[in-house]
Amino acid sequence: MRIGVVGAAGRMGAEVCRAVAAADDLELVAAVDTSKVGRPLREVAGVDVDVVVTDDLDALTAAGCDVAVEFTGPASVGDNLLAILERRIHAVVGATGIGDDDLARAAALAADGPANALVAPNFAIGAVLMMRFAEQAAHHLPHVEIVELHHDGKADAPSGTALRTAELISRSRPHPPEVPLGDDHHPGARGADHTGVRVHSVRLPGLVAHQEVIFGGQGQTLTIRHDSIDRTSFMPGVLLACRRVGGIDGLTVGLEHLL
């Protein structure tokens, strides 16, 4: 299976390049990024392939890509996803921050065309399980808040994982409880409200990707926490998506659908 990586010069993109190059059943054939254009991917990501970084998405078509993995950022992921599908290439999207309008347009493209798309807020298997466990717990403990912690270079806040977790919780709990009060003189102290769930974002150097979901009940608390201490934690999920995206129908959101 021939794989191209969009955002190949970024931290996550370079990690994807290394994972794909190391897989026996996948071949890394294209690398797209707006930085380090013209440089060999061997220098950019440390992989032993004869691929040069380009900023032209047509390189995916020229290389005969079966799947393109998109790991750029909120400003470009929506346009890139649409462009990949328009080129009749399956898309695996890990960049967060894609807007609802772009997601709807991508769903329409994937439904009408030969290319499918998988959009996952988090590719770590443990993070997917954390979201599933939180969804189940919310049915019994509706009082809950989310704290997500990421490195200081992350472009979006709250994280896509936190937003997805809040949506799953909101869908699962029987009724939203009354929200505790905050200090009106310090707006933001109570975090953001997403689908009725409070979400708090921490950005610090030294972190990678972490989230805890804290439930409260009478005389008890329950904390479900996941920690990615290295970006390699996302790679088994990315490779799984590359291998399976051709067999799904249209656009799918969430890696849990492949587990």
C-alpha atoms as a PDB file:
ATOM      1  CA  MET A   1       0.000   0.000   0.000  1.00  0.00           C
ATOM      2  CA  ARG A   2       1.469   3.344  -1.081  1.00  0.00           C
ATOM      3  CA  ILE A   3       1.314   6.090   1.567  1.00  0.00           C
ATOM      4  CA  GLY A   4       1.850   9.851   1.391  1.00  0.00           C
ATOM      5  CA  VAL A   5       2.217  12.096   4.438  1.00  0.00           C
ATOM      6  CA  VAL A   6       0.924  15.679   4.481  1.00  0.00           C
ATOM      7  CA  GLY A   7       2.682  17.668   7.193  1.00  0.00           C
ATOM      8  CA  ALA A   8       5.697  15.386   6.885  1.00  0.00           C
ATOM      9  CA  ALA A   9       8.150  17.900   8.357  1.00  0.00           C
ATOM     10  CA  GLY A  10       6.208  18.392  11.597  1.00  0.00           C
ATOM     11  CA  ARG A  11       6.741  16.432  14.793  1.00  0.00           C
ATOM     12  CA  MET A  12       3.793  14.120  14.261  1.00  0.00           C
ATOM     13  CA  GLY A  13       4.253  13.947  10.496  1.00  0.00           C
ATOM     14  CA  ALA A  14       7.888  12.920  10.802  1.00  0.00           C
ATOM     15  CA  GLU A  15       6.899  10.229  13.301  1.00  0.00           C
ATOM     16  CA  VAL A  16       4.305   8.932  10.833  1.00  0.00           C
ATOM     17  CA  CYS A  17       6.962   8.826   8.107  1.00  0.00           C
ATOM     18  CA  ARG A  18       9.211   6.703  10.312  1.00  0.00           C
ATOM     19  CA  ALA A  19       6.371   4.345  11.256  1.00  0.00           C
ATOM     20  CA  VAL A  20       5.227   3.874   7.655  1.00  0.00           C
ATOM     21  CA  ALA A  21       8.782   3.317   6.421  1.00  0.00           C
ATOM     22  CA  ALA A  22       9.306   0.640   9.076  1.00  0.00           C
ATOM     23  CA  ALA A  23       6.111  -1.274   8.201  1.00  0.00           C
ATOM     24  CA  ASP A  24       6.599  -4.291   5.931  1.00  0.00           C
ATOM     25  CA  ASP A  25       3.274  -3.899   4.146  1.00  0.00           C
ATOM     26  CA  LEU A  26       3.380  -0.105   3.577  1.00  0.00           C
ATOM     27  CA  GLU A  27       5.531   2.028   1.280  1.00  0.00           C
ATOM     28  CA  LEU A  28       6.246   5.708   1.916  1.00  0.00           C
ATOM     29  CA  VAL A  29       6.129   7.391  -1.504  1.00  0.00           C
ATOM     30  CA  ALA A  30       5.310  11.093  -0.954  1.00  0.00           C
ATOM     31  CA  ALA A  31       5.939  13.854   1.596  1.00  0.00           C
ATOM     32  CA  VAL A  32       4.123  17.194   1.506  1.00  0.00           C
ATOM     33  CA  ASP A  33       4.859  20.171   3.755  1.00  0.00           C
ATOM     34  CA  THR A  34       5.109  23.951   3.424  1.00  0.00           C
ATOM     35  CA  SER A  35       8.437  23.926   5.267  1.00  0.00           C
ATOM     36  CA  LYS A  36      11.730  22.227   4.310  1.00  0.00           C
ATOM     37  CA  VAL A  37      10.615  22.101   0.684  1.00  0.00           C
ATOM     38  CA  GLY A  38      13.189  20.487  -1.579  1.00  0.00           C
ATOM     39  CA  ARG A  39      14.992  18.687   1.228  1.00  0.00           C
ATOM     40  CA  PRO A  40      15.282  14.892   1.177  1.00  0.00           C
ATOM     41  CA  LEU A  41      12.935  13.187   3.591  1.00  0.00           C
ATOM     42  CA  ARG A  42      15.961  11.201   4.708  1.00  0.00           C
ATOM     43  CA  GLU A  43      17.279  14.418   6.334  1.00  0.00           C
ATOM     44  CA  VAL A  44      13.910  15.678   7.533  1.00  0.00           C
ATOM     45  CA  ALA A  45      12.581  12.510   9.189  1.00  0.00           C
ATOM     46  CA  GLY A  46      15.546  10.135   9.223  1.00  0.00           C
ATOM     47  CA  VAL A  47      13.970   7.534   6.939  1.00  0.00           C
ATOM     48  CA  ASP A  48      15.800   5.569   4.260  1.00  0.00           C
ATOM     49  CA  VAL A  49      13.598   6.456   1.278  1.00  0.00           C
ATOM     50  CA  ASP A  50      14.246   8.454  -1.877  1.00  0.00           C
ATOM     51  CA  VAL A  51      11.507  11.046  -1.324  1.00  0.00           C
ATOM     52  CA  VAL A  52      11.887  14.835  -1.419  1.00  0.00           C
ATOM     53  CA  VAL A  53       9.597  17.176   0.519  1.00  0.00           C
ATOM     54  CA  THR A  54       7.274  19.243  -1.685  1.00  0.00           C
ATOM     55  CA  ASP A  55       4.506  21.733  -0.998  1.00  0.00           C
ATOM     56  CA  ASP A  56       2.387  20.480  -3.924  1.00  0.00           C
ATOM     57  CA  LEU A  57      -0.473  18.095  -3.084  1.00  0.00           C
ATOM     58  CA  ASP A  58      -0.372  16.878  -6.692  1.00  0.00           C
ATOM     59  CA  ALA A  59       2.703  14.923  -5.614  1.00  0.00           C
ATOM     60  CA  LEU A  60       0.295  12.495  -3.923  1.00  0.00           C
ATOM     61  CA  THR A  61      -1.310  11.696  -7.269  1.00  0.00           C
ATOM     62  CA  ALA A  62       2.017  11.580  -9.114  1.00  0.00           C
ATOM     63  CA  ALA A  63       3.362   9.062  -6.593  1.00  0.00           C
ATOM     64  CA  GLY A  64       0.289   6.847  -6.932  1.00  0.00           C
ATOM     65  CA  CYS A  65      -0.736   7.152  -3.290  1.00  0.00           C
ATOM     66  CA  ASP A  66      -3.459   4.850  -2.037  1.00  0.00           C
ATOM     67  CA  VAL A  67      -3.711   6.712   1.295  1.00  0.00           C
ATOM     68  CA  ALA A  68      -2.646  10.171   2.451  1.00  0.00           C
ATOM     69  CA  VAL A  69      -2.098  10.796   6.158  1.00  0.00           C
ATOM     70  CA  GLU A  70      -2.838  14.424   7.135  1.00  0.00           C
ATOM     71  CA  PHE A  71      -1.058  15.866  10.184  1.00  0.00           C
ATOM     72  CA  THR A  72      -0.827  19.639   9.663  1.00  0.00           C
ATOM     73  CA  GLY A  73      -2.884  22.042  11.774  1.00  0.00           C
ATOM     74  CA  PRO A  74      -6.247  23.781  12.177  1.00  0.00           C
ATOM     75  CA  ALA A  75      -5.519  26.394   9.499  1.00  0.00           C
ATOM     76  CA  SER A  76      -4.900  23.882   6.697  1.00  0.00           C
ATOM     77  CA  VAL A  77      -6.415  20.516   7.619  1.00  0.00           C
ATOM     78  CA  GLY A  78      -9.880  21.238   6.193  1.00  0.00           C
ATOM     79  CA  ASP A  79      -8.641  22.345   2.778  1.00  0.00           C
ATOM     80  CA  ASN A  80      -6.135  19.497   2.647  1.00  0.00           C
ATOM     81  CA  LEU A  81      -8.749  16.868   3.456  1.00  0.00           C
ATOM     82  CA  LEU A  82     -11.012  18.107   0.661  1.00  0.00           C
ATOM     83  CA  ALA A  83      -8.086  18.241  -1.760  1.00  0.00           C
ATOM     84  CA  ILE A  84      -7.032  14.683  -0.933  1.00  0.00           C
ATOM     85  CA  LEU A  85     -10.534  13.320  -1.496  1.00  0.00           C
ATOM     86  CA  GLU A  86     -10.890  15.295  -4.741  1.00  0.00           C
ATOM     87  CA  ARG A  87      -7.760  13.474  -5.935  1.00  0.00           C
ATOM     88  CA  ARG A  88      -9.552  10.163  -5.264  1.00  0.00           C
ATOM     89  CA  ILE A  89      -7.111   9.204  -2.503  1.00  0.00           C
ATOM     90  CA  HIS A  90      -8.190   7.764   0.841  1.00  0.00           C
ATOM     91  CA  ALA A  91      -7.529  10.156   3.741  1.00  0.00           C
ATOM     92  CA  VAL A  92      -6.440   9.465   7.315  1.00  0.00           C
ATOM     93  CA  VAL A  93      -6.639  12.695   9.329  1.00  0.00           C
ATOM     94  CA  GLY A  94      -4.974  13.216  12.692  1.00  0.00           C
ATOM     95  CA  ALA A  95      -4.767  17.012  12.721  1.00  0.00           C
ATOM     96  CA  THR A  96      -7.381  18.537  15.005  1.00  0.00           C
ATOM     97  CA  GLY A  97      -9.282  21.775  14.520  1.00  0.00           C
ATOM     98  CA  ILE A  98     -11.209  20.850  11.385  1.00  0.00           C
ATOM     99  CA  GLY A  99     -14.417  22.876  11.133  1.00  0.00           C
ATOM    100  CA  ASP A 100     -17.915  21.450  10.936  1.00  0.00           C
ATOM    101  CA  ASP A 101     -18.456  22.927   7.458  1.00  0.00           C
ATOM    102  CA  ASP A 102     -15.300  21.311   6.069  1.00  0.00           C
ATOM    103  CA  LEU A 103     -16.224  18.032   7.758  1.00  0.00           C
ATOM    104  CA  ALA A 104     -19.669  18.136   6.141  1.00  0.00           C
ATOM    105  CA  ARG A 105     -18.176  18.854   2.708  1.00  0.00           C
ATOM    106  CA  ALA A 106     -15.684  16.027   3.168  1.00  0.00           C
ATOM    107  CA  ALA A 107     -18.488  13.663   4.164  1.00  0.00           C
ATOM    108  CA  ALA A 108     -20.362  14.560   0.958  1.00  0.00           C
ATOM    109  CA  LEU A 109     -17.245  14.029  -1.164  1.00  0.00           C
ATOM    110  CA  ALA A 110     -16.494  10.691   0.475  1.00  0.00           C
ATOM    111  CA  ALA A 111     -20.093   9.557   0.065  1.00  0.00           C
ATOM    112  CA  ASP A 112     -20.157  10.347  -3.662  1.00  0.00           C
ATOM    113  CA  GLY A 113     -16.620   9.377  -4.659  1.00  0.00           C
ATOM    114  CA  PRO A 114     -14.329   6.357  -4.521  1.00  0.00           C
ATOM    115  CA  ALA A 115     -12.167   7.696  -1.675  1.00  0.00           C
ATOM    116  CA  ASN A 116     -12.958   7.260   2.024  1.00  0.00           C
ATOM    117  CA  ALA A 117     -11.798   9.266   5.028  1.00  0.00           C
ATOM    118  CA  LEU A 118     -11.110   8.521   8.670  1.00  0.00           C
ATOM    119  CA  VAL A 119     -10.845  11.518  11.019  1.00  0.00           C
ATOM    120  CA  ALA A 120      -9.591  10.652  14.508  1.00  0.00           C
ATOM    121  CA  PRO A 121      -9.168  13.124  17.373  1.00  0.00           C
ATOM    122  CA  ASN A 122      -6.642  10.691  18.889  1.00  0.00           C
ATOM    123  CA  PHE A 123      -4.866   7.648  17.449  1.00  0.00           C
ATOM    124  CA  ALA A 124      -3.569   6.258  20.757  1.00  0.00           C
ATOM    125  CA  ILE A 125      -5.429   3.043  21.570  1.00  0.00           C
ATOM    126  CA  GLY A 126      -5.394   3.915  25.282  1.00  0.00           C
ATOM    127  CA  ALA A 127      -6.942   7.320  24.602  1.00  0.00           C
ATOM    128  CA  VAL A 128      -9.736   5.710  22.596  1.00  0.00           C
ATOM    129  CA  LEU A 129     -10.397   3.357  25.513  1.00  0.00           C
ATOM    130  CA  MET A 130     -10.337   6.310  27.928  1.00  0.00           C
ATOM    131  CA  MET A 131     -13.051   8.033  25.910  1.00  0.00           C
ATOM    132  CA  ARG A 132     -15.134   4.867  25.777  1.00  0.00           C
ATOM    133  CA  PHE A 133     -14.824   4.308  29.559  1.00  0.00           C
ATOM    134  CA  ALA A 134     -15.789   7.953  30.206  1.00  0.00           C
ATOM    135  CA  GLU A 135     -18.843   7.574  28.004  1.00  0.00           C
ATOM    136  CA  GLN A 136     -19.927   4.527  30.017  1.00  0.00           C
ATOM    137  CA  ALA A 137     -19.248   6.157  33.404  1.00  0.00           C
ATOM    138  CA  ALA A 138     -21.223   9.293  32.519  1.00  0.00           C
ATOM    139  CA  HIS A 139     -24.448   7.288  32.505  1.00  0.00           C
ATOM    140  CA  HIS A 140     -24.010   6.638  36.226  1.00  0.00           C
ATOM    141  CA  LEU A 141     -21.981   9.690  37.357  1.00  0.00           C
ATOM    142  CA  PRO A 142     -23.245  12.735  35.414  1.00  0.00           C
ATOM    143  CA  HIS A 143     -21.110  15.289  37.341  1.00  0.00           C
ATOM    144  CA  VAL A 144     -17.849  15.462  35.401  1.00  0.00           C
ATOM    145  CA  GLU A 145     -15.103  17.802  34.232  1.00  0.00           C
ATOM    146  CA  ILE A 146     -12.216  17.283  31.795  1.00  0.00           C
ATOM    147  CA  VAL A 147      -8.628  18.443  32.228  1.00  0.00           C
ATOM    148  CA  GLU A 148      -6.410  18.074  29.150  1.00  0.00           C
ATOM    149  CA  LEU A 149      -2.674  18.785  29.203  1.00  0.00           C
ATOM    150  CA  HIS A 150      -0.461  19.215  26.124  1.00  0.00           C
ATOM    151  CA  HIS A 151       2.906  20.620  25.065  1.00  0.00           C
ATOM    152  CA  ASP A 152       3.171  24.363  24.601  1.00  0.00           C
ATOM    153  CA  GLY A 153       3.443  24.064  20.801  1.00  0.00           C
ATOM    154  CA  LYS A 154      -0.068  22.708  20.316  1.00  0.00           C
ATOM    155  CA  ALA A 155      -2.051  25.067  18.090  1.00  0.00           C
ATOM    156  CA  ASP A 156      -5.579  24.437  19.364  1.00  0.00           C
ATOM    157  CA  ALA A 157      -7.266  24.463  22.767  1.00  0.00           C
ATOM    158  CA  PRO A 158      -9.269  22.617  23.911  1.00  0.00           C
ATOM    159  CA  SER A 159      -7.837  19.542  22.229  1.00  0.00           C
ATOM    160  CA  GLY A 160      -9.861  17.511  19.771  1.00  0.00           C
ATOM    161  CA  THR A 161      -9.736  14.591  22.191  1.00  0.00           C
ATOM    162  CA  ALA A 162     -11.250  16.687  24.982  1.00  0.00           C
ATOM    163  CA  LEU A 163     -14.014  17.985  22.728  1.00  0.00           C
ATOM    164  CA  ARG A 164     -14.810  14.489  21.496  1.00  0.00           C
ATOM    165  CA  THR A 165     -14.858  13.169  25.078  1.00  0.00           C
ATOM    166  CA  ALA A 166     -17.246  15.928  26.144  1.00  0.00           C
ATOM    167  CA  GLU A 167     -19.577  15.087  23.261  1.00  0.00           C
ATOM    168  CA  LEU A 168     -19.593  11.383  24.166  1.00  0.00           C
ATOM    169  CA  ILE A 169     -20.283  12.222  27.817  1.00  0.00           C
ATOM    170  CA  SER A 170     -23.097  14.614  26.912  1.00  0.00           C
ATOM    171  CA  ARG A 171     -24.689  11.967  24.733  1.00  0.00           C
ATOM    172  CA  SER A 172     -24.444   9.293  27.433  1.00  0.00           C
ATOM    173  CA  ARG A 173     -25.524  10.933  30.655  1.00  0.00           C
ATOM    174  CA  PRO A 174     -29.270  10.903  31.325  1.00  0.00           C
ATOM    175  CA  HIS A 175     -29.478  14.599  32.193  1.00  0.00           C
ATOM    176  CA  PRO A 176     -26.974  17.448  32.590  1.00  0.00           C
ATOM    177  CA  PRO A 177     -26.517  18.389  36.253  1.00  0.00           C
ATOM    178  CA  GLU A 178     -26.568  21.953  37.526  1.00  0.00           C
ATOM    179  CA  VAL A 179     -23.201  23.582  36.898  1.00  0.00           C
ATOM    180  CA  PRO A 180     -21.343  24.827  40.023  1.00  0.00           C
ATOM    181  CA  LEU A 181     -20.839  28.580  40.194  1.00  0.00           C
ATOM    182  CA  GLY A 182     -17.564  30.372  39.493  1.00  0.00           C
ATOM    183  CA  ASP A 183     -15.978  33.750  40.127  1.00  0.00           C
ATOM    184  CA  ASP A 184     -17.412  36.362  37.768  1.00  0.00           C
ATOM    185  CA  HIS A 185     -14.321  38.533  38.338  1.00  0.00           C
ATOM    186  CA  HIS A 186     -12.053  35.844  36.832  1.00  0.00           C
ATOM    187  CA  PRO A 187     -13.693  34.698  33.588  1.00  0.00           C
ATOM    188  CA  GLY A 188     -12.311  31.442  32.278  1.00  0.00           C
ATOM    189  CA  ALA A 189     -11.465  30.044  35.698  1.00  0.00           C
ATOM    190  CA  ARG A 190     -14.179  27.424  35.273  1.00  0.00           C
ATOM    191  CA  GLY A 191     -12.892  26.409  31.845  1.00  0.00           C
ATOM    192  CA  ALA A 192     -14.787  26.206  28.587  1.00  0.00           C
ATOM    193  CA  ASP A 193     -18.290  24.819  28.273  1.00  0.00           C
ATOM    194  CA  HIS A 194     -18.585  22.266  25.464  1.00  0.00           C
ATOM    195  CA  THR A 195     -21.906  20.427  25.147  1.00  0.00           C
ATOM    196  CA  GLY A 196     -22.543  21.132  28.823  1.00  0.00           C
ATOM    197  CA  VAL A 197     -19.210  19.709  30.036  1.00  0.00           C
ATOM    198  CA  ARG A 198     -16.469  21.878  31.537  1.00  0.00           C
ATOM    199  CA  VAL A 199     -13.091  21.507  29.801  1.00  0.00           C
ATOM    200  CA  HIS A 200      -9.796  22.895  31.156  1.00  0.00           C
ATOM    201  CA  SER A 201      -6.679  23.178  28.969  1.00  0.00           C
ATOM    202  CA  VAL A 202      -3.074  23.205  30.241  1.00  0.00           C
ATOM    203  CA  ARG A 203      -0.148  24.050  27.924  1.00  0.00           C
ATOM    204  CA  LEU A 204       3.379  23.551  29.242  1.00  0.00           C
ATOM    205  CA  PRO A 205       6.784  22.494  27.917  1.00  0.00           C
ATOM    206  CA  GLY A 206       7.679  18.960  28.944  1.00  0.00           C
ATOM    207  CA  LEU A 207       4.196  17.583  28.284  1.00  0.00           C
ATOM    208  CA  VAL A 208       3.173  15.490  25.263  1.00  0.00           C
ATOM    209  CA  ALA A 209      -0.546  14.596  25.389  1.00  0.00           C
ATOM    210  CA  HIS A 210      -2.508  13.839  28.547  1.00  0.00           C
ATOM    211  CA  GLN A 211      -6.126  13.894  29.652  1.00  0.00           C
ATOM    212  CA  GLU A 212      -8.046  13.101  32.789  1.00  0.00           C
ATOM    213  CA  VAL A 213     -11.804  12.885  33.146  1.00  0.00           C
ATOM    214  CA  ILE A 214     -12.906  13.471  36.729  1.00  0.00           C
ATOM    215  CA  PHE A 215     -16.332  12.270  37.850  1.00  0.00           C
ATOM    216  CA  GLY A 216     -17.905  13.226  41.175  1.00  0.00           C
ATOM    217  CA  GLY A 217     -20.663  11.520  43.112  1.00  0.00           C
ATOM    218  CA  GLN A 218     -21.944  11.293  46.648  1.00  0.00           C
ATOM    219  CA  GLY A 219     -18.888  10.649  48.830  1.00  0.00           C
ATOM    220  CA  GLN A 220     -16.707   9.537  45.904  1.00  0.00           C
ATOM    221  CA  THR A 221     -14.757  10.532  42.807  1.00  0.00           C
ATOM    222  CA  LEU A 222     -13.651   8.547  39.782  1.00  0.00           C
ATOM    223  CA  THR A 223     -10.692   9.658  37.642  1.00  0.00           C
ATOM    224  CA  ILE A 224      -9.961   8.150  34.236  1.00  0.00           C
ATOM    225  CA  ARG A 225      -6.592   9.307  32.891  1.00  0.00           C
ATOM    226  CA  HIS A 226      -4.541   8.609  29.794  1.00  0.00           C
ATOM    227  CA  ASP A 227      -0.953   9.712  29.170  1.00  0.00           C
ATOM    228  CA  SER A 228       0.973   9.655  25.913  1.00  0.00           C
ATOM    229  CA  ILE A 229       4.561  10.023  27.041  1.00  0.00           C
ATOM    230  CA  ASP A 230       5.950   9.635  23.521  1.00  0.00           C
ATOM    231  CA  ARG A 231       4.543  10.343  20.056  1.00  0.00           C
ATOM    232  CA  THR A 232       5.151   6.737  19.066  1.00  0.00           C
ATOM    233  CA  SER A 233       2.024   5.940  21.121  1.00  0.00           C
ATOM    234  CA  PHE A 234      -0.091   7.188  18.204  1.00  0.00           C
ATOM    235  CA  MET A 235       1.577   5.105  15.505  1.00  0.00           C
ATOM    236  CA  PRO A 236      -0.197   1.716  15.888  1.00  0.00           C
ATOM    237  CA  GLY A 237      -3.513   3.528  15.461  1.00  0.00           C
ATOM    238  CA  VAL A 238      -2.270   5.485  12.433  1.00  0.00           C
ATOM    239  CA  LEU A 239      -1.025   2.327  10.709  1.00  0.00           C
ATOM    240  CA  LEU A 240      -4.271   0.527  11.527  1.00  0.00           C
ATOM    241  CA  ALA A 241      -6.201   3.390   9.903  1.00  0.00           C
ATOM    242  CA  CYS A 242      -4.002   3.298   6.788  1.00  0.00           C
ATOM    243  CA  ARG A 243      -4.661  -0.407   6.375  1.00  0.00           C
ATOM    244  CA  ARG A 244      -8.411  -0.199   7.011  1.00  0.00           C
ATOM    245  CA  VAL A 245      -9.589   3.128   5.567  1.00  0.00           C
ATOM    246  CA  GLY A 246     -10.109   1.627   2.108  1.00  0.00           C
ATOM    247  CA  GLY A 247     -12.666  -0.775   3.525  1.00  0.00           C
ATOM    248  CA  ILE A 248     -14.925   1.710   5.283  1.00  0.00           C
ATOM    249  CA  ASP A 249     -17.776   3.611   3.630  1.00  0.00           C
ATOM    250  CA  GLY A 250     -17.554   7.385   3.272  1.00  0.00           C
ATOM    251  CA  LEU A 251     -16.289   9.451   6.176  1.00  0.00           C
ATOM    252  CA  THR A 252     -15.843   8.006   9.667  1.00  0.00           C
ATOM    253  CA  VAL A 253     -15.007   9.995  12.813  1.00  0.00           C
ATOM    254  CA  GLY A 254     -13.184   8.159  15.583  1.00  0.00           C
ATOM    255  CA  LEU A 255     -10.672   5.314  15.634  1.00  0.00           C
ATOM    256  CA  GLU A 256     -13.009   3.282  17.842  1.00  0.00           C
ATOM    257  CA  HIS A 257     -14.961   2.251  14.735  1.00  0.00           C
ATOM    258  CA  LEU A 258     -11.948   0.230  13.582  1.00  0.00           C
ATOM    259  CA  LEU A 259     -11.307  -1.521  16.911  1.00  0.00           C
END
